[in-house]
N, C-alpha and C. Protein backbone atom coordinates (compact mmCIF):
# COMPACT_ATOMS: atom_id res chain seq x y z
N UNK A 1 199.24 -4.29 -135.14
CA UNK A 1 198.41 -3.98 -134.29
C UNK A 1 198.71 -3.79 -132.90
N UNK A 2 198.16 -2.66 -132.40
CA UNK A 2 198.63 -2.22 -130.90
C UNK A 2 197.63 -2.65 -130.05
N UNK A 3 198.26 -3.31 -128.93
CA UNK A 3 197.42 -3.65 -127.69
C UNK A 3 197.76 -2.71 -126.47
N UNK A 4 196.62 -2.19 -126.14
CA UNK A 4 196.70 -1.21 -124.96
C UNK A 4 196.70 -2.11 -123.67
N UNK A 5 197.43 -1.76 -122.67
CA UNK A 5 197.25 -2.24 -121.43
C UNK A 5 196.91 -1.25 -120.23
N UNK A 6 196.19 -1.67 -119.37
CA UNK A 6 195.86 -0.56 -118.31
C UNK A 6 194.36 -0.31 -118.62
N UNK A 7 193.99 0.89 -117.81
CA UNK A 7 192.46 1.21 -117.71
C UNK A 7 192.28 2.50 -118.35
N UNK A 8 191.06 2.70 -118.76
CA UNK A 8 190.80 4.06 -119.42
C UNK A 8 190.45 4.91 -118.39
N UNK A 9 190.38 6.29 -118.72
CA UNK A 9 190.17 7.21 -117.90
C UNK A 9 188.65 7.13 -117.33
N UNK A 10 187.72 6.78 -118.17
CA UNK A 10 186.40 6.57 -117.71
C UNK A 10 186.31 5.47 -116.71
N UNK A 11 186.80 4.35 -116.95
CA UNK A 11 186.98 3.14 -116.11
C UNK A 11 187.45 3.48 -114.61
N UNK A 12 188.52 4.34 -114.51
CA UNK A 12 188.98 4.83 -113.28
C UNK A 12 187.94 5.72 -112.64
N UNK A 13 187.42 6.77 -113.31
CA UNK A 13 186.56 7.64 -112.64
C UNK A 13 185.32 6.74 -112.14
N UNK A 14 184.65 5.85 -112.97
CA UNK A 14 183.60 5.12 -112.52
C UNK A 14 183.75 4.25 -111.25
N UNK A 15 185.19 3.78 -111.16
CA UNK A 15 185.61 2.94 -110.07
C UNK A 15 185.81 3.88 -108.70
N UNK A 16 186.24 5.23 -108.90
CA UNK A 16 186.45 6.11 -107.66
C UNK A 16 184.98 6.19 -107.31
N UNK A 17 184.09 6.78 -108.19
CA UNK A 17 182.71 7.19 -107.81
C UNK A 17 182.00 5.85 -107.10
N UNK A 18 182.08 4.60 -107.43
CA UNK A 18 181.46 3.50 -106.99
C UNK A 18 182.07 3.28 -105.58
N UNK A 19 183.41 3.51 -105.52
CA UNK A 19 184.28 3.27 -103.99
C UNK A 19 183.78 4.56 -103.22
N UNK A 20 183.65 5.67 -103.48
CA UNK A 20 183.09 6.74 -102.78
C UNK A 20 181.76 6.29 -102.10
N UNK A 21 180.70 5.95 -103.14
CA UNK A 21 179.24 5.63 -102.57
C UNK A 21 179.49 4.43 -101.42
N UNK A 22 180.48 3.54 -101.83
CA UNK A 22 180.37 2.34 -100.85
C UNK A 22 180.94 2.92 -99.54
N UNK A 23 181.94 3.71 -99.59
CA UNK A 23 182.48 4.30 -98.32
C UNK A 23 181.50 5.16 -97.61
N UNK A 24 180.68 5.98 -98.27
CA UNK A 24 179.98 6.67 -97.47
C UNK A 24 178.83 5.74 -96.96
N UNK A 25 178.37 4.86 -97.63
CA UNK A 25 177.32 3.94 -96.90
C UNK A 25 177.84 3.29 -95.98
N UNK A 26 178.94 2.85 -95.72
CA UNK A 26 179.99 2.19 -94.81
C UNK A 26 180.06 3.33 -93.43
N UNK A 27 180.34 4.34 -93.79
CA UNK A 27 180.65 5.26 -92.74
C UNK A 27 179.29 5.66 -92.09
N UNK A 28 178.19 5.68 -92.79
CA UNK A 28 176.87 6.02 -92.11
C UNK A 28 176.37 4.87 -91.45
N UNK A 29 176.56 3.64 -91.79
CA UNK A 29 176.26 2.25 -90.93
C UNK A 29 177.09 2.32 -89.75
N UNK A 30 178.32 2.59 -89.79
CA UNK A 30 179.19 2.72 -88.75
C UNK A 30 178.79 3.69 -87.76
N UNK A 31 178.42 4.73 -88.36
CA UNK A 31 178.07 6.03 -87.33
C UNK A 31 176.70 5.67 -86.60
N UNK A 32 175.93 4.92 -87.36
CA UNK A 32 174.57 4.50 -86.54
C UNK A 32 174.86 3.49 -85.58
N UNK A 33 175.82 2.50 -85.88
CA UNK A 33 176.07 1.50 -84.89
C UNK A 33 176.60 2.07 -83.69
N UNK A 34 177.61 3.32 -84.01
CA UNK A 34 178.26 3.80 -82.50
C UNK A 34 177.02 4.70 -82.00
N UNK A 35 176.09 5.49 -82.53
CA UNK A 35 174.96 5.95 -81.86
C UNK A 35 174.27 5.04 -81.07
N UNK A 36 173.75 3.88 -81.77
CA UNK A 36 173.13 2.83 -81.03
C UNK A 36 173.62 2.21 -79.62
N UNK A 37 175.03 2.12 -79.91
CA UNK A 37 175.65 1.69 -78.80
C UNK A 37 175.79 2.70 -77.54
N UNK A 38 175.89 3.87 -77.95
CA UNK A 38 175.84 5.01 -76.77
C UNK A 38 174.39 5.28 -76.29
N UNK A 39 173.50 5.14 -77.12
CA UNK A 39 171.96 5.15 -76.53
C UNK A 39 171.73 4.04 -75.67
N UNK A 40 172.16 2.80 -76.06
CA UNK A 40 171.91 1.56 -75.44
C UNK A 40 172.76 1.67 -73.82
N UNK A 41 173.95 2.34 -74.00
CA UNK A 41 174.78 2.45 -72.80
C UNK A 41 173.98 3.35 -71.76
N UNK A 42 173.42 4.54 -72.45
CA UNK A 42 172.75 5.40 -71.40
C UNK A 42 171.62 5.01 -70.78
N UNK A 43 170.67 4.29 -71.69
CA UNK A 43 169.51 3.48 -71.26
C UNK A 43 169.94 2.56 -70.06
N UNK A 44 171.00 1.89 -70.14
CA UNK A 44 171.43 0.91 -69.24
C UNK A 44 172.02 1.48 -67.83
N UNK A 45 172.63 2.52 -67.97
CA UNK A 45 172.86 3.43 -66.71
C UNK A 45 171.63 3.85 -66.18
N UNK A 46 170.59 4.50 -66.71
CA UNK A 46 169.44 4.96 -66.17
C UNK A 46 168.66 3.86 -65.56
N UNK A 47 168.59 2.58 -66.28
CA UNK A 47 167.83 1.66 -65.66
C UNK A 47 168.78 1.12 -64.45
N UNK A 48 169.98 1.18 -64.48
CA UNK A 48 170.63 0.78 -63.16
C UNK A 48 170.38 1.57 -62.01
N UNK A 49 170.40 2.78 -62.44
CA UNK A 49 170.18 3.92 -61.20
C UNK A 49 168.78 3.82 -60.91
N UNK A 50 167.88 3.56 -61.57
CA UNK A 50 166.34 3.73 -61.30
C UNK A 50 166.35 2.31 -60.20
N UNK A 51 166.91 1.16 -60.78
CA UNK A 51 166.86 0.18 -60.03
C UNK A 51 167.20 0.08 -58.66
N UNK A 52 168.42 0.81 -58.63
CA UNK A 52 169.14 1.01 -57.23
C UNK A 52 168.30 1.86 -56.25
N UNK A 53 167.64 2.84 -56.97
CA UNK A 53 166.58 3.63 -56.32
C UNK A 53 165.49 3.04 -55.59
N UNK A 54 164.78 2.20 -56.72
CA UNK A 54 163.74 1.59 -56.25
C UNK A 54 164.10 0.47 -55.28
N UNK A 55 165.19 -0.05 -55.18
CA UNK A 55 165.80 -1.12 -54.24
C UNK A 55 165.90 -0.44 -52.81
N UNK A 56 166.77 0.65 -52.73
CA UNK A 56 166.77 1.50 -51.62
C UNK A 56 165.57 2.04 -50.92
N UNK A 57 164.53 2.54 -51.68
CA UNK A 57 163.19 2.80 -51.13
C UNK A 57 162.54 1.57 -50.68
N UNK A 58 162.47 0.48 -51.37
CA UNK A 58 161.79 -0.72 -50.91
C UNK A 58 162.43 -1.30 -49.43
N UNK A 59 163.85 -1.13 -49.46
CA UNK A 59 164.45 -1.56 -48.17
C UNK A 59 164.01 -0.62 -47.14
N UNK A 60 163.62 0.69 -47.32
CA UNK A 60 163.36 1.63 -46.29
C UNK A 60 162.05 1.39 -45.75
N UNK A 61 161.18 1.04 -46.90
CA UNK A 61 159.79 1.11 -46.73
C UNK A 61 159.58 -0.27 -45.84
N UNK A 62 160.21 -1.14 -45.92
CA UNK A 62 160.06 -2.32 -45.21
C UNK A 62 159.99 -2.06 -43.77
N UNK A 63 160.55 -0.96 -43.36
CA UNK A 63 160.56 -0.74 -41.82
C UNK A 63 159.46 0.20 -41.34
N UNK A 64 158.62 0.55 -42.31
CA UNK A 64 157.59 1.58 -42.07
C UNK A 64 156.55 0.93 -41.08
N UNK A 65 156.10 1.79 -40.18
CA UNK A 65 155.16 1.62 -39.26
C UNK A 65 154.02 2.60 -39.64
N UNK A 66 152.93 2.08 -40.19
CA UNK A 66 151.78 2.89 -40.80
C UNK A 66 151.56 4.09 -39.92
N UNK A 67 151.53 4.16 -38.69
CA UNK A 67 151.05 5.13 -37.84
C UNK A 67 152.16 6.29 -37.80
N UNK A 68 153.52 6.09 -38.41
CA UNK A 68 154.42 7.07 -38.37
C UNK A 68 154.78 7.81 -39.60
N UNK A 69 153.88 7.42 -40.55
CA UNK A 69 154.22 8.11 -41.97
C UNK A 69 153.27 9.44 -42.01
N UNK A 70 154.05 10.35 -42.66
CA UNK A 70 153.47 11.42 -43.04
C UNK A 70 153.90 12.04 -44.26
N UNK A 71 153.04 12.47 -45.32
CA UNK A 71 153.24 12.88 -46.46
C UNK A 71 152.91 14.52 -46.43
N UNK A 72 153.71 15.29 -47.11
CA UNK A 72 153.38 16.55 -47.33
C UNK A 72 152.15 16.98 -48.35
N UNK A 73 151.48 17.95 -48.45
CA UNK A 73 150.34 18.22 -49.23
C UNK A 73 150.71 17.98 -50.85
N UNK A 74 151.93 17.93 -51.31
CA UNK A 74 151.79 17.81 -52.75
C UNK A 74 152.43 16.48 -53.15
N UNK A 75 152.62 15.58 -52.11
CA UNK A 75 153.10 14.26 -52.33
C UNK A 75 154.27 14.24 -52.94
N UNK A 76 155.15 15.31 -52.67
CA UNK A 76 156.51 15.29 -52.91
C UNK A 76 157.62 14.89 -51.94
N UNK A 77 157.18 14.67 -50.81
CA UNK A 77 158.11 14.24 -49.70
C UNK A 77 157.14 13.15 -48.82
N UNK A 78 158.03 12.24 -48.28
CA UNK A 78 157.35 11.36 -47.38
C UNK A 78 158.21 11.21 -46.17
N UNK A 79 157.69 11.26 -44.98
CA UNK A 79 158.52 11.35 -43.76
C UNK A 79 157.93 10.16 -42.85
N UNK A 80 159.00 9.63 -42.38
CA UNK A 80 158.43 8.43 -41.22
C UNK A 80 159.45 8.33 -40.17
N UNK A 81 159.25 7.93 -38.98
CA UNK A 81 160.03 7.58 -38.05
C UNK A 81 159.82 5.94 -37.67
N UNK A 82 161.29 5.61 -37.51
CA UNK A 82 161.63 4.03 -37.15
C UNK A 82 162.19 3.97 -35.79
N UNK A 83 161.31 3.47 -35.00
CA UNK A 83 161.81 2.94 -33.69
C UNK A 83 162.17 1.71 -33.62
N UNK A 84 163.16 1.49 -33.02
CA UNK A 84 163.75 -0.13 -32.73
C UNK A 84 164.52 -0.14 -31.46
N UNK A 85 164.77 -1.26 -30.94
CA UNK A 85 165.30 -1.72 -29.57
C UNK A 85 166.55 -1.94 -30.08
N UNK A 86 167.66 -1.77 -29.16
CA UNK A 86 168.97 -1.89 -29.33
C UNK A 86 169.58 -2.03 -28.07
N UNK A 87 170.68 -2.85 -27.73
CA UNK A 87 171.50 -2.62 -26.33
C UNK A 87 172.58 -1.68 -26.69
N UNK A 88 172.83 -0.77 -25.93
CA UNK A 88 173.58 0.36 -26.02
C UNK A 88 174.39 0.21 -24.54
N UNK A 89 175.60 -0.16 -24.48
CA UNK A 89 176.41 -0.09 -23.23
C UNK A 89 175.77 -1.08 -22.06
N UNK A 90 175.20 -2.11 -22.70
CA UNK A 90 174.70 -2.98 -21.58
C UNK A 90 173.23 -2.94 -21.36
N UNK A 91 172.68 -1.67 -21.95
CA UNK A 91 171.35 -1.40 -21.39
C UNK A 91 170.44 -1.33 -22.65
N UNK A 92 169.23 -1.98 -22.50
CA UNK A 92 168.25 -1.98 -23.62
C UNK A 92 167.68 -0.82 -23.69
N UNK A 93 167.57 -0.17 -24.96
CA UNK A 93 167.01 1.13 -24.99
C UNK A 93 166.46 1.39 -26.46
N UNK A 94 165.49 2.17 -26.61
CA UNK A 94 164.66 2.31 -27.78
C UNK A 94 165.31 3.52 -28.65
N UNK A 95 165.75 3.26 -29.73
CA UNK A 95 166.49 4.18 -30.61
C UNK A 95 165.43 4.71 -31.61
N UNK A 96 165.57 5.88 -31.99
CA UNK A 96 164.80 6.42 -33.02
C UNK A 96 165.35 7.09 -34.16
N UNK A 97 165.02 6.77 -35.40
CA UNK A 97 165.51 7.48 -36.65
C UNK A 97 164.47 8.01 -37.43
N UNK A 98 164.57 8.97 -38.03
CA UNK A 98 163.69 9.79 -38.98
C UNK A 98 164.27 9.76 -40.21
N UNK A 99 163.42 9.48 -41.24
CA UNK A 99 163.72 9.43 -42.54
C UNK A 99 162.92 10.20 -43.35
N UNK A 100 163.36 10.97 -44.57
CA UNK A 100 162.40 11.77 -45.34
C UNK A 100 163.04 11.37 -46.91
N UNK A 101 161.84 10.94 -47.58
CA UNK A 101 162.22 10.90 -48.90
C UNK A 101 161.58 12.26 -49.54
N UNK A 102 162.48 12.85 -50.43
CA UNK A 102 161.96 14.17 -50.88
C UNK A 102 162.29 14.26 -52.41
N UNK A 103 161.42 14.76 -53.28
CA UNK A 103 161.54 15.11 -54.60
C UNK A 103 161.77 16.72 -54.71
N UNK A 104 162.91 16.91 -55.10
CA UNK A 104 162.92 18.64 -55.48
C UNK A 104 162.63 19.06 -56.80
N UNK A 105 161.76 19.59 -57.39
CA UNK A 105 161.33 19.74 -58.56
C UNK A 105 162.15 20.89 -59.48
N UNK A 106 163.04 21.72 -58.43
CA UNK A 106 163.83 22.61 -59.10
C UNK A 106 165.01 22.03 -59.46
N UNK A 107 165.67 21.03 -58.89
CA UNK A 107 166.88 20.44 -59.33
C UNK A 107 166.62 19.04 -59.86
N UNK A 108 165.36 18.55 -60.04
CA UNK A 108 165.01 17.20 -60.45
C UNK A 108 165.87 16.14 -59.87
N UNK A 109 165.82 16.34 -58.46
CA UNK A 109 166.67 15.41 -57.75
C UNK A 109 165.56 14.60 -56.89
N UNK A 110 165.62 13.36 -56.47
CA UNK A 110 164.96 12.65 -55.49
C UNK A 110 166.08 12.16 -54.53
N UNK A 111 165.92 12.28 -53.10
CA UNK A 111 167.00 12.19 -52.49
C UNK A 111 166.33 11.66 -51.02
N UNK A 112 167.18 11.16 -50.28
CA UNK A 112 166.74 10.60 -48.47
C UNK A 112 167.48 11.44 -47.74
N UNK A 113 166.92 11.80 -46.67
CA UNK A 113 167.50 12.32 -45.32
C UNK A 113 167.16 11.40 -44.34
N UNK A 114 168.34 10.97 -43.61
CA UNK A 114 168.32 10.25 -42.41
C UNK A 114 168.75 11.11 -41.09
N UNK A 115 167.81 11.36 -40.16
CA UNK A 115 168.08 11.80 -38.97
C UNK A 115 168.17 10.81 -37.90
N UNK A 116 169.44 10.80 -37.24
CA UNK A 116 169.83 9.90 -36.21
C UNK A 116 170.33 10.67 -35.18
N UNK A 117 169.55 10.95 -34.00
CA UNK A 117 170.04 11.83 -32.92
C UNK A 117 170.24 13.16 -33.39
N UNK A 118 171.50 13.56 -33.28
CA UNK A 118 171.63 15.07 -33.75
C UNK A 118 172.33 15.08 -35.20
N UNK A 119 172.50 13.89 -35.86
CA UNK A 119 173.17 13.98 -37.01
C UNK A 119 172.06 13.80 -38.23
N UNK A 120 172.50 14.34 -39.38
CA UNK A 120 171.78 14.36 -40.37
C UNK A 120 172.47 14.12 -41.61
N UNK A 121 172.01 13.01 -42.31
CA UNK A 121 172.76 12.87 -43.63
C UNK A 121 171.93 12.67 -44.82
N UNK A 122 172.32 13.12 -45.87
CA UNK A 122 171.54 13.28 -47.00
C UNK A 122 172.05 12.30 -48.18
N UNK A 123 171.25 11.53 -48.74
CA UNK A 123 171.76 10.50 -49.78
C UNK A 123 171.13 10.81 -51.21
N UNK A 124 171.70 11.07 -52.09
CA UNK A 124 171.19 11.43 -53.32
C UNK A 124 170.75 10.01 -54.05
N UNK A 125 169.49 9.83 -54.23
CA UNK A 125 169.18 8.52 -54.91
C UNK A 125 169.00 8.71 -56.46
N UNK A 126 168.65 9.77 -56.91
CA UNK A 126 168.37 9.78 -58.37
C UNK A 126 168.26 11.33 -59.07
N UNK A 127 169.06 11.52 -60.02
CA UNK A 127 168.83 13.02 -60.49
C UNK A 127 168.48 12.62 -61.67
N UNK A 128 167.96 14.11 -62.32
CA UNK A 128 167.18 14.20 -63.57
C UNK A 128 165.87 13.49 -63.83
N UNK A 129 165.07 13.56 -62.48
CA UNK A 129 163.77 12.85 -62.56
C UNK A 129 162.84 14.10 -62.76
N UNK A 130 162.13 13.98 -63.90
CA UNK A 130 161.05 14.93 -64.36
C UNK A 130 159.93 15.14 -63.42
N UNK A 131 159.37 13.99 -62.99
CA UNK A 131 158.11 14.08 -61.97
C UNK A 131 158.22 12.86 -60.98
N UNK A 132 157.80 13.24 -60.02
CA UNK A 132 157.63 12.04 -58.80
C UNK A 132 156.53 12.22 -57.71
N UNK A 133 155.90 11.28 -57.43
CA UNK A 133 155.04 11.47 -56.33
C UNK A 133 154.91 10.25 -55.45
N UNK A 134 154.86 10.50 -54.25
CA UNK A 134 154.74 9.50 -52.98
C UNK A 134 153.52 9.07 -52.87
N UNK A 135 153.06 7.71 -52.69
CA UNK A 135 151.85 7.09 -52.52
C UNK A 135 152.13 5.96 -51.76
N UNK A 136 151.85 5.64 -50.48
CA UNK A 136 151.98 4.46 -49.71
C UNK A 136 150.69 4.07 -49.30
N UNK A 137 150.41 2.75 -49.89
CA UNK A 137 149.25 2.11 -49.64
C UNK A 137 149.27 0.93 -48.59
N UNK A 138 148.49 0.88 -47.74
CA UNK A 138 148.48 -0.08 -46.65
C UNK A 138 147.49 -1.03 -47.07
N UNK A 139 147.78 -2.44 -47.07
CA UNK A 139 146.79 -3.47 -47.14
C UNK A 139 146.64 -4.13 -45.79
N UNK A 140 145.26 -4.25 -45.23
CA UNK A 140 145.20 -4.81 -43.98
C UNK A 140 145.07 -6.42 -43.97
N UNK A 141 145.31 -6.98 -45.01
CA UNK A 141 145.28 -8.49 -45.18
C UNK A 141 143.73 -8.81 -45.38
N UNK A 142 142.84 -8.11 -45.47
CA UNK A 142 141.44 -8.20 -45.71
C UNK A 142 141.05 -7.87 -46.93
N UNK A 143 141.61 -7.25 -47.79
CA UNK A 143 141.37 -6.89 -49.08
C UNK A 143 141.06 -5.36 -48.89
N UNK A 144 141.38 -4.55 -47.80
CA UNK A 144 141.09 -3.09 -47.55
C UNK A 144 142.33 -2.58 -47.74
N UNK A 145 142.69 -1.77 -48.74
CA UNK A 145 143.54 -0.97 -48.98
C UNK A 145 143.28 0.53 -48.84
N UNK A 146 144.26 1.27 -47.97
CA UNK A 146 144.29 2.58 -47.41
C UNK A 146 145.31 3.21 -47.99
N UNK A 147 145.12 4.57 -48.60
CA UNK A 147 146.29 5.35 -49.08
C UNK A 147 146.71 6.09 -47.66
N UNK A 148 147.75 5.70 -47.11
CA UNK A 148 148.17 6.05 -45.97
C UNK A 148 148.98 7.47 -45.93
N UNK A 149 149.37 7.90 -47.29
CA UNK A 149 150.01 9.20 -47.38
C UNK A 149 149.16 10.49 -47.26
N UNK A 150 147.96 10.18 -47.47
CA UNK A 150 146.97 11.51 -47.39
C UNK A 150 146.49 11.33 -45.83
N UNK A 151 146.82 10.90 -44.80
CA UNK A 151 146.36 10.93 -43.43
C UNK A 151 147.31 12.05 -42.78
N UNK A 152 146.48 13.02 -42.15
CA UNK A 152 147.05 14.17 -41.53
C UNK A 152 147.37 13.92 -40.05
């Protein structure tokens, strides 16, 4: 009697097919993990940029004097003037800075412009913004809330 050692051709083909199916499944799973990582990273970056923008706007809004706020008719820009007292060369003086927050729908950007004296500085706050409206509500402490952005 003869004893055969090794595998038959059918066993080798079946093994290769099973390994191919397992390899495809593993590759698809790995691909989805990589896509999920990239999506999570993009969302995290967008959240950080949005949080930075809101923090910057909040810091500037804290300086608002309700009488100095003006909005354009489309609520895509908000202008305000900030007056403060400082000591310059030993003399007390009142300094004025003008700020403009503006949304540009053509470039999908939200930016802030700071005017101080004769200088003007633009700060890009956020890009890729699909839509943005400014509304500034004033609470007088007695429960009366006024939409200050619509005051002409």
